[in-house]
Amino acid sequence: MSIIPLLQQALPSPAPSPSPKITWIKFERPTFDLVGVVLSSLGLAGLCALIALTLGLLWGLTIILRRRGRPPISWADHSLLLLEARRP
């Protein structure tokens, strides 16, 4: 005796679906949010500008503080001393 006829009797047969086939689905047309795109772009540009300003201020302060720690440079020591040159 085979097990296949017993399984066919035990399992219910699929019932035919009386509903008609669906050929299309209604959905809302997507909209483009131009105001949202512009505002998010301006927000991102503002964030980049704020970061650049902060980094520039920190860099400028480090340059100023480094120069204040060194003794001042005398231009007379490093110039060509053209005023003291003799005429031939």
PDB file of N, CA and C in Angstrom:
ATOM      1  N   MET A   1       0.840  -1.177   0.000  1.00  0.00           N
ATOM      2  CA  MET A   1       0.000   0.000   0.000  1.00  0.00           C
ATOM      3  C   MET A   1       0.887   1.243   0.000  1.00  0.00           C
ATOM      4  N   SER A   2       0.502   2.193  -0.795  1.00  0.00           N
ATOM      5  CA  SER A   2       1.292   3.410  -0.947  1.00  0.00           C
ATOM      6  C   SER A   2       0.796   4.478   0.018  1.00  0.00           C
ATOM      7  N   ILE A   3       1.703   5.348   0.392  1.00  0.00           N
ATOM      8  CA  ILE A   3       1.370   6.413   1.347  1.00  0.00           C
ATOM      9  C   ILE A   3       0.755   7.624   0.646  1.00  0.00           C
ATOM     10  N   ILE A   4       0.945   7.768  -0.657  1.00  0.00           N
ATOM     11  CA  ILE A   4       0.460   8.938  -1.394  1.00  0.00           C
ATOM     12  C   ILE A   4      -1.059   9.029  -1.388  1.00  0.00           C
ATOM     13  N   PRO A   5      -1.827   7.967  -1.623  1.00  0.00           N
ATOM     14  CA  PRO A   5      -3.290   8.122  -1.550  1.00  0.00           C
ATOM     15  C   PRO A   5      -3.773   8.480  -0.160  1.00  0.00           C
ATOM     16  N   LEU A   6      -3.086   8.006   0.870  1.00  0.00           N
ATOM     17  CA  LEU A   6      -3.485   8.365   2.227  1.00  0.00           C
ATOM     18  C   LEU A   6      -3.253   9.853   2.502  1.00  0.00           C
ATOM     19  N   LEU A   7      -2.128  10.382   1.998  1.00  0.00           N
ATOM     20  CA  LEU A   7      -1.850  11.811   2.173  1.00  0.00           C
ATOM     21  C   LEU A   7      -2.840  12.665   1.400  1.00  0.00           C
ATOM     22  N   GLN A   8      -3.237  12.205   0.220  1.00  0.00           N
ATOM     23  CA  GLN A   8      -4.206  12.973  -0.572  1.00  0.00           C
ATOM     24  C   GLN A   8      -5.561  13.019   0.115  1.00  0.00           C
ATOM     25  N   GLN A   9      -5.923  11.972   0.806  1.00  0.00           N
ATOM     26  CA  GLN A   9      -7.189  11.968   1.523  1.00  0.00           C
ATOM     27  C   GLN A   9      -7.115  12.833   2.780  1.00  0.00           C
ATOM     28  N   ALA A  10      -5.949  12.867   3.430  1.00  0.00           N
ATOM     29  CA  ALA A  10      -5.807  13.605   4.685  1.00  0.00           C
ATOM     30  C   ALA A  10      -5.735  15.113   4.451  1.00  0.00           C
ATOM     31  N   LEU A  11      -5.093  15.533   3.358  1.00  0.00           N
ATOM     32  CA  LEU A  11      -4.939  16.962   3.085  1.00  0.00           C
ATOM     33  C   LEU A  11      -6.172  17.496   2.367  1.00  0.00           C
ATOM     34  N   PRO A  12      -6.667  18.660   2.781  1.00  0.00           N
ATOM     35  CA  PRO A  12      -7.824  19.226   2.078  1.00  0.00           C
ATOM     36  C   PRO A  12      -7.411  19.760   0.720  1.00  0.00           C
ATOM     37  N   SER A  13      -8.313  19.656  -0.221  1.00  0.00           N
ATOM     38  CA  SER A  13      -8.019  20.179  -1.556  1.00  0.00           C
ATOM     39  C   SER A  13      -8.216  21.691  -1.555  1.00  0.00           C
ATOM     40  N   PRO A  14      -7.404  22.428  -2.310  1.00  0.00           N
ATOM     41  CA  PRO A  14      -7.553  23.883  -2.331  1.00  0.00           C
ATOM     42  C   PRO A  14      -8.875  24.277  -2.974  1.00  0.00           C
ATOM     43  N   ALA A  15      -9.541  25.220  -2.330  1.00  0.00           N
ATOM     44  CA  ALA A  15     -10.830  25.677  -2.834  1.00  0.00           C
ATOM     45  C   ALA A  15     -10.601  26.718  -3.919  1.00  0.00           C
ATOM     46  N   PRO A  16     -11.412  26.684  -4.972  1.00  0.00           N
ATOM     47  CA  PRO A  16     -11.256  27.707  -6.019  1.00  0.00           C
ATOM     48  C   PRO A  16     -11.682  29.068  -5.475  1.00  0.00           C
ATOM     49  N   SER A  17     -10.953  30.088  -5.861  1.00  0.00           N
ATOM     50  CA  SER A  17     -11.258  31.435  -5.365  1.00  0.00           C
ATOM     51  C   SER A  17     -12.371  32.046  -6.216  1.00  0.00           C
ATOM     52  N   PRO A  18     -13.459  32.450  -5.585  1.00  0.00           N
ATOM     53  CA  PRO A  18     -14.560  33.029  -6.359  1.00  0.00           C
ATOM     54  C   PRO A  18     -14.329  34.501  -6.708  1.00  0.00           C
ATOM     55  N   SER A  19     -13.346  35.157  -6.091  1.00  0.00           N
ATOM     56  CA  SER A  19     -13.143  36.587  -6.345  1.00  0.00           C
ATOM     57  C   SER A  19     -12.460  36.791  -7.699  1.00  0.00           C
ATOM     58  N   PRO A  20     -12.765  37.908  -8.362  1.00  0.00           N
ATOM     59  CA  PRO A  20     -12.133  38.167  -9.669  1.00  0.00           C
ATOM     60  C   PRO A  20     -10.656  38.550  -9.477  1.00  0.00           C
ATOM     61  N   LYS A  21      -9.909  38.469 -10.539  1.00  0.00           N
ATOM     62  CA  LYS A  21      -8.495  38.829 -10.501  1.00  0.00           C
ATOM     63  C   LYS A  21      -8.329  40.345 -10.393  1.00  0.00           C
ATOM     64  N   ILE A  22      -7.308  40.761  -9.660  1.00  0.00           N
ATOM     65  CA  ILE A  22      -7.019  42.190  -9.522  1.00  0.00           C
ATOM     66  C   ILE A  22      -6.061  42.584 -10.644  1.00  0.00           C
ATOM     67  N   THR A  23      -6.463  43.584 -11.419  1.00  0.00           N
ATOM     68  CA  THR A  23      -5.623  44.013 -12.537  1.00  0.00           C
ATOM     69  C   THR A  23      -4.877  45.308 -12.257  1.00  0.00           C
ATOM     70  N   TRP A  24      -5.301  46.089 -11.281  1.00  0.00           N
ATOM     71  CA  TRP A  24      -4.595  47.310 -10.919  1.00  0.00           C
ATOM     72  C   TRP A  24      -4.817  47.620  -9.450  1.00  0.00           C
ATOM     73  N   ILE A  25      -3.923  48.418  -8.923  1.00  0.00           N
ATOM     74  CA  ILE A  25      -4.008  48.851  -7.529  1.00  0.00           C
ATOM     75  C   ILE A  25      -3.992  50.365  -7.517  1.00  0.00           C
ATOM     76  N   LYS A  26      -4.932  50.969  -6.817  1.00  0.00           N
ATOM     77  CA  LYS A  26      -4.963  52.426  -6.716  1.00  0.00           C
ATOM     78  C   LYS A  26      -4.005  52.884  -5.619  1.00  0.00           C
ATOM     79  N   PHE A  27      -3.224  53.912  -5.916  1.00  0.00           N
ATOM     80  CA  PHE A  27      -2.362  54.528  -4.910  1.00  0.00           C
ATOM     81  C   PHE A  27      -2.231  56.003  -5.240  1.00  0.00           C
ATOM     82  N   GLU A  28      -1.851  56.775  -4.240  1.00  0.00           N
ATOM     83  CA  GLU A  28      -1.727  58.221  -4.444  1.00  0.00           C
ATOM     84  C   GLU A  28      -0.498  58.521  -5.287  1.00  0.00           C
ATOM     85  N   ARG A  29      -0.630  59.536  -6.088  1.00  0.00           N
ATOM     86  CA  ARG A  29       0.476  59.945  -6.925  1.00  0.00           C
ATOM     87  C   ARG A  29       1.550  60.587  -6.044  1.00  0.00           C
ATOM     88  N   PRO A  30       2.821  60.210  -6.213  1.00  0.00           N
ATOM     89  CA  PRO A  30       3.860  60.797  -5.369  1.00  0.00           C
ATOM     90  C   PRO A  30       4.047  62.279  -5.680  1.00  0.00           C
ATOM     91  N   THR A  31       4.294  63.056  -4.648  1.00  0.00           N
ATOM     92  CA  THR A  31       4.506  64.491  -4.827  1.00  0.00           C
ATOM     93  C   THR A  31       5.950  64.830  -4.504  1.00  0.00           C
ATOM     94  N   PHE A  32       6.460  65.871  -5.139  1.00  0.00           N
ATOM     95  CA  PHE A  32       7.824  66.329  -4.919  1.00  0.00           C
ATOM     96  C   PHE A  32       7.783  67.497  -3.950  1.00  0.00           C
ATOM     97  N   ASP A  33       8.476  67.371  -2.836  1.00  0.00           N
ATOM     98  CA  ASP A  33       8.478  68.388  -1.788  1.00  0.00           C
ATOM     99  C   ASP A  33       9.654  69.340  -2.012  1.00  0.00           C
ATOM    100  N   LEU A  34       9.437  70.360  -2.846  1.00  0.00           N
ATOM    101  CA  LEU A  34      10.508  71.300  -3.182  1.00  0.00           C
ATOM    102  C   LEU A  34      10.915  72.134  -1.978  1.00  0.00           C
ATOM    103  N   VAL A  35       9.970  72.540  -1.167  1.00  0.00           N
ATOM    104  CA  VAL A  35      10.278  73.355   0.015  1.00  0.00           C
ATOM    105  C   VAL A  35      11.130  72.550   0.996  1.00  0.00           C
ATOM    106  N   GLY A  36      10.806  71.287   1.178  1.00  0.00           N
ATOM    107  CA  GLY A  36      11.595  70.443   2.069  1.00  0.00           C
ATOM    108  C   GLY A  36      13.013  70.250   1.571  1.00  0.00           C
ATOM    109  N   VAL A  37      13.182  70.095   0.255  1.00  0.00           N
ATOM    110  CA  VAL A  37      14.519  69.928  -0.315  1.00  0.00           C
ATOM    111  C   VAL A  37      15.340  71.196  -0.132  1.00  0.00           C
ATOM    112  N   VAL A  38      14.726  72.356  -0.381  1.00  0.00           N
ATOM    113  CA  VAL A  38      15.447  73.630  -0.252  1.00  0.00           C
ATOM    114  C   VAL A  38      15.822  73.884   1.210  1.00  0.00           C
ATOM    115  N   LEU A  39      14.891  73.651   2.127  1.00  0.00           N
ATOM    116  CA  LEU A  39      15.189  73.895   3.534  1.00  0.00           C
ATOM    117  C   LEU A  39      16.258  72.943   4.071  1.00  0.00           C
ATOM    118  N   SER A  40      16.219  71.698   3.669  1.00  0.00           N
ATOM    119  CA  SER A  40      17.260  70.773   4.133  1.00  0.00           C
ATOM    120  C   SER A  40      18.613  71.128   3.525  1.00  0.00           C
ATOM    121  N   SER A  41      18.636  71.614   2.286  1.00  0.00           N
ATOM    122  CA  SER A  41      19.895  72.042   1.666  1.00  0.00           C
ATOM    123  C   SER A  41      20.460  73.262   2.385  1.00  0.00           C
ATOM    124  N   LEU A  42      19.582  74.212   2.718  1.00  0.00           N
ATOM    125  CA  LEU A  42      20.056  75.390   3.456  1.00  0.00           C
ATOM    126  C   LEU A  42      20.552  75.015   4.849  1.00  0.00           C
ATOM    127  N   GLY A  43      19.895  74.075   5.485  1.00  0.00           N
ATOM    128  CA  GLY A  43      20.346  73.615   6.792  1.00  0.00           C
ATOM    129  C   GLY A  43      21.709  72.957   6.716  1.00  0.00           C
ATOM    130  N   LEU A  44      21.929  72.147   5.688  1.00  0.00           N
ATOM    131  CA  LEU A  44      23.221  71.489   5.509  1.00  0.00           C
ATOM    132  C   LEU A  44      24.309  72.511   5.190  1.00  0.00           C
ATOM    133  N   ALA A  45      24.003  73.501   4.367  1.00  0.00           N
ATOM    134  CA  ALA A  45      24.980  74.546   4.049  1.00  0.00           C
ATOM    135  C   ALA A  45      25.304  75.378   5.292  1.00  0.00           C
ATOM    136  N   GLY A  46      24.302  75.666   6.117  1.00  0.00           N
ATOM    137  CA  GLY A  46      24.550  76.394   7.360  1.00  0.00           C
ATOM    138  C   GLY A  46      25.415  75.606   8.319  1.00  0.00           C
ATOM    139  N   LEU A  47      25.198  74.311   8.393  1.00  0.00           N
ATOM    140  CA  LEU A  47      26.019  73.466   9.256  1.00  0.00           C
ATOM    141  C   LEU A  47      27.471  73.446   8.781  1.00  0.00           C
ATOM    142  N   CYS A  48      27.666  73.342   7.471  1.00  0.00           N
ATOM    143  CA  CYS A  48      29.033  73.373   6.922  1.00  0.00           C
ATOM    144  C   CYS A  48      29.701  74.716   7.194  1.00  0.00           C
ATOM    145  N   ALA A  49      28.961  75.812   7.054  1.00  0.00           N
ATOM    146  CA  ALA A  49      29.521  77.137   7.317  1.00  0.00           C
ATOM    147  C   ALA A  49      29.884  77.288   8.789  1.00  0.00           C
ATOM    148  N   LEU A  50      29.060  76.776   9.668  1.00  0.00           N
ATOM    149  CA  LEU A  50      29.342  76.849  11.105  1.00  0.00           C
ATOM    150  C   LEU A  50      30.589  76.040  11.468  1.00  0.00           C
ATOM    151  N   ILE A  51      30.733  74.877  10.887  1.00  0.00           N
ATOM    152  CA  ILE A  51      31.928  74.061  11.140  1.00  0.00           C
ATOM    153  C   ILE A  51      33.166  74.760  10.608  1.00  0.00           C
ATOM    154  N   ALA A  52      33.081  75.344   9.397  1.00  0.00           N
ATOM    155  CA  ALA A  52      34.229  76.042   8.810  1.00  0.00           C
ATOM    156  C   ALA A  52      34.606  77.262   9.641  1.00  0.00           C
ATOM    157  N   LEU A  53      33.622  78.002  10.138  1.00  0.00           N
ATOM    158  CA  LEU A  53      33.893  79.168  10.976  1.00  0.00           C
ATOM    159  C   LEU A  53      34.575  78.757  12.277  1.00  0.00           C
ATOM    160  N   THR A  54      34.095  77.686  12.889  1.00  0.00           N
ATOM    161  CA  THR A  54      34.693  77.214  14.141  1.00  0.00           C
ATOM    162  C   THR A  54      36.126  76.761  13.926  1.00  0.00           C
ATOM    163  N   LEU A  55      36.366  75.983  12.867  1.00  0.00           N
ATOM    164  CA  LEU A  55      37.729  75.527  12.595  1.00  0.00           C
ATOM    165  C   LEU A  55      38.652  76.685  12.256  1.00  0.00           C
ATOM    166  N   GLY A  56      38.149  77.679  11.516  1.00  0.00           N
ATOM    167  CA  GLY A  56      38.965  78.853  11.192  1.00  0.00           C
ATOM    168  C   GLY A  56      39.333  79.661  12.422  1.00  0.00           C
ATOM    169  N   LEU A  57      38.373  79.823  13.327  1.00  0.00           N
ATOM    170  CA  LEU A  57      38.670  80.541  14.568  1.00  0.00           C
ATOM    171  C   LEU A  57      39.706  79.803  15.410  1.00  0.00           C
ATOM    172  N   LEU A  58      39.566  78.506  15.516  1.00  0.00           N
ATOM    173  CA  LEU A  58      40.541  77.732  16.296  1.00  0.00           C
ATOM    174  C   LEU A  58      41.929  77.782  15.669  1.00  0.00           C
ATOM    175  N   TRP A  59      41.993  77.696  14.362  1.00  0.00           N
ATOM    176  CA  TRP A  59      43.282  77.754  13.683  1.00  0.00           C
ATOM    177  C   TRP A  59      43.920  79.135  13.846  1.00  0.00           C
ATOM    178  N   GLY A  60      43.112  80.181  13.703  1.00  0.00           N
ATOM    179  CA  GLY A  60      43.631  81.538  13.883  1.00  0.00           C
ATOM    180  C   GLY A  60      44.131  81.789  15.300  1.00  0.00           C
ATOM    181  N   LEU A  61      43.395  81.292  16.289  1.00  0.00           N
ATOM    182  CA  LEU A  61      43.838  81.454  17.677  1.00  0.00           C
ATOM    183  C   LEU A  61      45.140  80.710  17.953  1.00  0.00           C
ATOM    184  N   THR A  62      45.306  79.532  17.375  1.00  0.00           N
ATOM    185  CA  THR A  62      46.564  78.811  17.582  1.00  0.00           C
ATOM    186  C   THR A  62      47.732  79.538  16.934  1.00  0.00           C
ATOM    187  N   ILE A  63      47.517  80.141  15.775  1.00  0.00           N
ATOM    188  CA  ILE A  63      48.593  80.912  15.132  1.00  0.00           C
ATOM    189  C   ILE A  63      48.945  82.127  15.983  1.00  0.00           C
ATOM    190  N   ILE A  64      47.945  82.835  16.492  1.00  0.00           N
ATOM    191  CA  ILE A  64      48.197  84.019  17.321  1.00  0.00           C
ATOM    192  C   ILE A  64      48.939  83.633  18.595  1.00  0.00           C
ATOM    193  N   LEU A  65      48.511  82.580  19.243  1.00  0.00           N
ATOM    194  CA  LEU A  65      49.158  82.173  20.490  1.00  0.00           C
ATOM    195  C   LEU A  65      50.576  81.668  20.265  1.00  0.00           C
ATOM    196  N   ARG A  66      50.839  81.028  19.149  1.00  0.00           N
ATOM    197  CA  ARG A  66      52.206  80.599  18.841  1.00  0.00           C
ATOM    198  C   ARG A  66      53.126  81.794  18.616  1.00  0.00           C
ATOM    199  N   ARG A  67      52.625  82.792  17.908  1.00  0.00           N
ATOM    200  CA  ARG A  67      53.464  83.959  17.619  1.00  0.00           C
ATOM    201  C   ARG A  67      53.718  84.792  18.866  1.00  0.00           C
ATOM    202  N   ARG A  68      52.783  84.804  19.792  1.00  0.00           N
ATOM    203  CA  ARG A  68      52.986  85.564  21.032  1.00  0.00           C
ATOM    204  C   ARG A  68      54.025  84.900  21.926  1.00  0.00           C
ATOM    205  N   GLY A  69      54.204  83.617  21.813  1.00  0.00           N
ATOM    206  CA  GLY A  69      55.174  82.899  22.635  1.00  0.00           C
ATOM    207  C   GLY A  69      56.604  83.103  22.183  1.00  0.00           C
ATOM    208  N   ARG A  70      56.818  83.494  20.935  1.00  0.00           N
ATOM    209  CA  ARG A  70      58.170  83.711  20.397  1.00  0.00           C
ATOM    210  C   ARG A  70      58.581  85.165  20.594  1.00  0.00           C
ATOM    211  N   PRO A  71      59.890  85.401  20.681  1.00  0.00           N
ATOM    212  CA  PRO A  71      60.339  86.804  20.737  1.00  0.00           C
ATOM    213  C   PRO A  71      60.085  87.480  19.393  1.00  0.00           C
ATOM    214  N   PRO A  72      59.833  88.775  19.402  1.00  0.00           N
ATOM    215  CA  PRO A  72      59.551  89.474  18.138  1.00  0.00           C
ATOM    216  C   PRO A  72      60.760  89.456  17.202  1.00  0.00           C
ATOM    217  N   ILE A  73      60.465  89.374  15.922  1.00  0.00           N
ATOM    218  CA  ILE A  73      61.520  89.339  14.905  1.00  0.00           C
ATOM    219  C   ILE A  73      61.875  90.774  14.533  1.00  0.00           C
ATOM    220  N   SER A  74      63.157  91.080  14.534  1.00  0.00           N
ATOM    221  CA  SER A  74      63.613  92.410  14.139  1.00  0.00           C
ATOM    222  C   SER A  74      63.833  92.416  12.628  1.00  0.00           C
ATOM    223  N   TRP A  75      63.187  93.368  11.963  1.00  0.00           N
ATOM    224  CA  TRP A  75      63.344  93.466  10.513  1.00  0.00           C
ATOM    225  C   TRP A  75      64.741  93.940  10.146  1.00  0.00           C
ATOM    226  N   ALA A  76      65.373  94.622  11.023  1.00  0.00           N
ATOM    227  CA  ALA A  76      66.724  95.124  10.734  1.00  0.00           C
ATOM    228  C   ALA A  76      67.724  93.977  10.661  1.00  0.00           C
ATOM    229  N   ASP A  77      67.501  92.924  11.409  1.00  0.00           N
ATOM    230  CA  ASP A  77      68.430  91.792  11.381  1.00  0.00           C
ATOM    231  C   ASP A  77      68.298  90.982  10.104  1.00  0.00           C
ATOM    232  N   HIS A  78      67.152  90.989   9.507  1.00  0.00           N
ATOM    233  CA  HIS A  78      66.913  90.153   8.338  1.00  0.00           C
ATOM    234  C   HIS A  78      66.790  90.942   7.030  1.00  0.00           C
ATOM    235  N   SER A  79      66.930  92.228   7.057  1.00  0.00           N
ATOM    236  CA  SER A  79      66.771  93.013   5.829  1.00  0.00           C
ATOM    237  C   SER A  79      68.118  93.146   5.123  1.00  0.00           C
ATOM    238  N   LEU A  80      68.081  93.777   3.969  1.00  0.00           N
ATOM    239  CA  LEU A  80      69.298  93.948   3.184  1.00  0.00           C
ATOM    240  C   LEU A  80      70.099  95.173   3.598  1.00  0.00           C
ATOM    241  N   LEU A  81      69.550  95.950   4.497  1.00  0.00           N
ATOM    242  CA  LEU A  81      70.216  97.154   4.995  1.00  0.00           C
ATOM    243  C   LEU A  81      70.587  98.108   3.855  1.00  0.00           C
ATOM    244  N   LEU A  82      69.607  98.398   3.002  1.00  0.00           N
ATOM    245  CA  LEU A  82      69.835  99.261   1.854  1.00  0.00           C
ATOM    246  C   LEU A  82      70.141 100.693   2.244  1.00  0.00           C
ATOM    247  N   LEU A  83      69.644 101.127   3.381  1.00  0.00           N
ATOM    248  CA  LEU A  83      69.908 102.507   3.784  1.00  0.00           C
ATOM    249  C   LEU A  83      71.350 102.712   4.210  1.00  0.00           C
ATOM    250  N   GLU A  84      71.986 101.678   4.669  1.00  0.00           N
ATOM    251  CA  GLU A  84      73.374 101.810   5.122  1.00  0.00           C
ATOM    252  C   GLU A  84      74.382 101.436   4.043  1.00  0.00           C
ATOM    253  N   ALA A  85      73.890 101.088   2.873  1.00  0.00           N
ATOM    254  CA  ALA A  85      74.812 100.725   1.790  1.00  0.00           C
ATOM    255  C   ALA A  85      75.571 101.965   1.307  1.00  0.00           C
ATOM    256  N   ARG A  86      76.824 101.785   0.973  1.00  0.00           N
ATOM    257  CA  ARG A  86      77.651 102.912   0.494  1.00  0.00           C
ATOM    258  C   ARG A  86      77.513 103.063  -1.010  1.00  0.00           C
ATOM    259  N   ARG A  87      77.579 104.305  -1.427  1.00  0.00           N
ATOM    260  CA  ARG A  87      77.548 104.577  -2.868  1.00  0.00           C
ATOM    261  C   ARG A  87      78.958 104.455  -3.406  1.00  0.00           C
ATOM    262  N   PRO A  88      79.090 103.921  -4.602  1.00  0.00           N
ATOM    263  CA  PRO A  88      80.458 103.804  -5.171  1.00  0.00           C
ATOM    264  C   PRO A  88      81.062 105.114  -5.619  1.00  0.00           C
TER     265      PRO A  88
END
